[in-house]
Amino acid sequence: MNIIINGEKRELEESVTLEKALETLGLTGKVMAAAVNMEIVKQDSWNTHKLCDGDKLELLDFVGGG
């Protein structure tokens, strides 16, 4: 299936969970927040939230600085 991740088209296996997608992309532990189709998905739901073809996924990492 095809999804858009932070504006970039990517191909993932069908019916993958958000957590599995992060593992596949090598982003486990690096993402602090995720939104699917402009709706925040809480971290405790990442292992059950299934992605669908055409979803738009935004992944955020908080960076400190000043």
C-alpha atoms as a PDB file:
ATOM      1  CA  MET A   1       0.000   0.000   0.000  1.00  0.00           C
ATOM      2  CA  ASN A   2       1.096   3.596  -0.513  1.00  0.00           C
ATOM      3  CA  ILE A   3       1.056   6.212   2.222  1.00  0.00           C
ATOM      4  CA  ILE A   4       2.500   9.697   2.555  1.00  0.00           C
ATOM      5  CA  ILE A   5       4.963  10.146   5.430  1.00  0.00           C
ATOM      6  CA  ASN A   6       5.924  13.746   6.208  1.00  0.00           C
ATOM      7  CA  GLY A   7       5.121  14.668   2.604  1.00  0.00           C
ATOM      8  CA  GLU A   8       7.060  11.771   1.052  1.00  0.00           C
ATOM      9  CA  LYS A   9       5.342   8.871  -0.724  1.00  0.00           C
ATOM     10  CA  ARG A  10       6.318   5.500   0.753  1.00  0.00           C
ATOM     11  CA  GLU A  11       5.239   1.919   0.139  1.00  0.00           C
ATOM     12  CA  LEU A  12       4.454  -0.391   3.066  1.00  0.00           C
ATOM     13  CA  GLU A  13       2.902  -3.821   3.442  1.00  0.00           C
ATOM     14  CA  GLU A  14      -0.907  -4.022   3.631  1.00  0.00           C
ATOM     15  CA  SER A  15      -2.707  -3.606   6.986  1.00  0.00           C
ATOM     16  CA  VAL A  16       0.420  -2.590   8.877  1.00  0.00           C
ATOM     17  CA  THR A  17       0.046  -0.965  12.290  1.00  0.00           C
ATOM     18  CA  LEU A  18       1.559   2.418  13.026  1.00  0.00           C
ATOM     19  CA  GLU A  19       4.044   0.752  15.398  1.00  0.00           C
ATOM     20  CA  LYS A  20       5.128  -1.778  12.731  1.00  0.00           C
ATOM     21  CA  ALA A  21       5.501   1.032  10.175  1.00  0.00           C
ATOM     22  CA  LEU A  22       7.859   2.872  12.547  1.00  0.00           C
ATOM     23  CA  GLU A  23       9.868  -0.340  13.038  1.00  0.00           C
ATOM     24  CA  THR A  24      10.070  -0.880   9.264  1.00  0.00           C
ATOM     25  CA  LEU A  25      11.269   2.705   8.769  1.00  0.00           C
ATOM     26  CA  GLY A  26      13.862   2.395  11.552  1.00  0.00           C
ATOM     27  CA  LEU A  27      12.172   5.093  13.634  1.00  0.00           C
ATOM     28  CA  THR A  28      11.336   3.157  16.792  1.00  0.00           C
ATOM     29  CA  GLY A  29      12.158   5.337  19.793  1.00  0.00           C
ATOM     30  CA  LYS A  30      12.775   8.416  17.636  1.00  0.00           C
ATOM     31  CA  VAL A  31       9.186   9.568  17.102  1.00  0.00           C
ATOM     32  CA  MET A  32       7.431  11.413  19.926  1.00  0.00           C
ATOM     33  CA  ALA A  33       4.080  12.114  18.247  1.00  0.00           C
ATOM     34  CA  ALA A  34       2.175  10.822  15.233  1.00  0.00           C
ATOM     35  CA  ALA A  35      -0.848  12.053  13.329  1.00  0.00           C
ATOM     36  CA  VAL A  36      -2.735  10.059  10.724  1.00  0.00           C
ATOM     37  CA  ASN A  37      -4.845  12.145   8.352  1.00  0.00           C
ATOM     38  CA  MET A  38      -4.436  15.176  10.665  1.00  0.00           C
ATOM     39  CA  GLU A  39      -5.623  13.303  13.781  1.00  0.00           C
ATOM     40  CA  ILE A  40      -3.215  12.614  16.648  1.00  0.00           C
ATOM     41  CA  VAL A  41      -2.794   8.925  17.498  1.00  0.00           C
ATOM     42  CA  LYS A  42      -1.781   8.375  21.126  1.00  0.00           C
ATOM     43  CA  GLN A  43       1.351   6.273  21.650  1.00  0.00           C
ATOM     44  CA  ASP A  44      -0.536   3.591  23.561  1.00  0.00           C
ATOM     45  CA  SER A  45      -2.624   2.988  20.404  1.00  0.00           C
ATOM     46  CA  TRP A  46       0.278   2.742  17.930  1.00  0.00           C
ATOM     47  CA  ASN A  47       0.360  -1.069  18.205  1.00  0.00           C
ATOM     48  CA  THR A  48      -3.323  -1.386  17.221  1.00  0.00           C
ATOM     49  CA  HIS A  49      -3.843   1.563  14.844  1.00  0.00           C
ATOM     50  CA  LYS A  50      -3.862   0.118  11.321  1.00  0.00           C
ATOM     51  CA  LEU A  51      -2.748   2.270   8.416  1.00  0.00           C
ATOM     52  CA  CYS A  52      -4.699   2.268   5.159  1.00  0.00           C
ATOM     53  CA  ASP A  53      -3.720   2.882   1.568  1.00  0.00           C
ATOM     54  CA  GLY A  54      -3.573   6.632   0.926  1.00  0.00           C
ATOM     55  CA  ASP A  55      -3.170   7.652   4.580  1.00  0.00           C
ATOM     56  CA  LYS A  56      -1.143  10.779   5.328  1.00  0.00           C
ATOM     57  CA  LEU A  57       1.178  10.223   8.262  1.00  0.00           C
ATOM     58  CA  GLU A  58       2.991  13.042  10.054  1.00  0.00           C
ATOM     59  CA  LEU A  59       5.749  12.037  12.470  1.00  0.00           C
ATOM     60  CA  LEU A  60       7.167  14.510  14.961  1.00  0.00           C
ATOM     61  CA  ASP A  61      10.279  14.478  17.107  1.00  0.00           C
ATOM     62  CA  PHE A  62      10.728  17.172  19.715  1.00  0.00           C
ATOM     63  CA  VAL A  63      14.104  18.884  19.694  1.00  0.00           C
ATOM     64  CA  GLY A  64      15.362  21.080  22.503  1.00  0.00           C
ATOM     65  CA  GLY A  65      17.303  24.230  21.896  1.00  0.00           C
ATOM     66  CA  GLY A  66      17.400  27.877  22.528  1.00  0.00           C
END
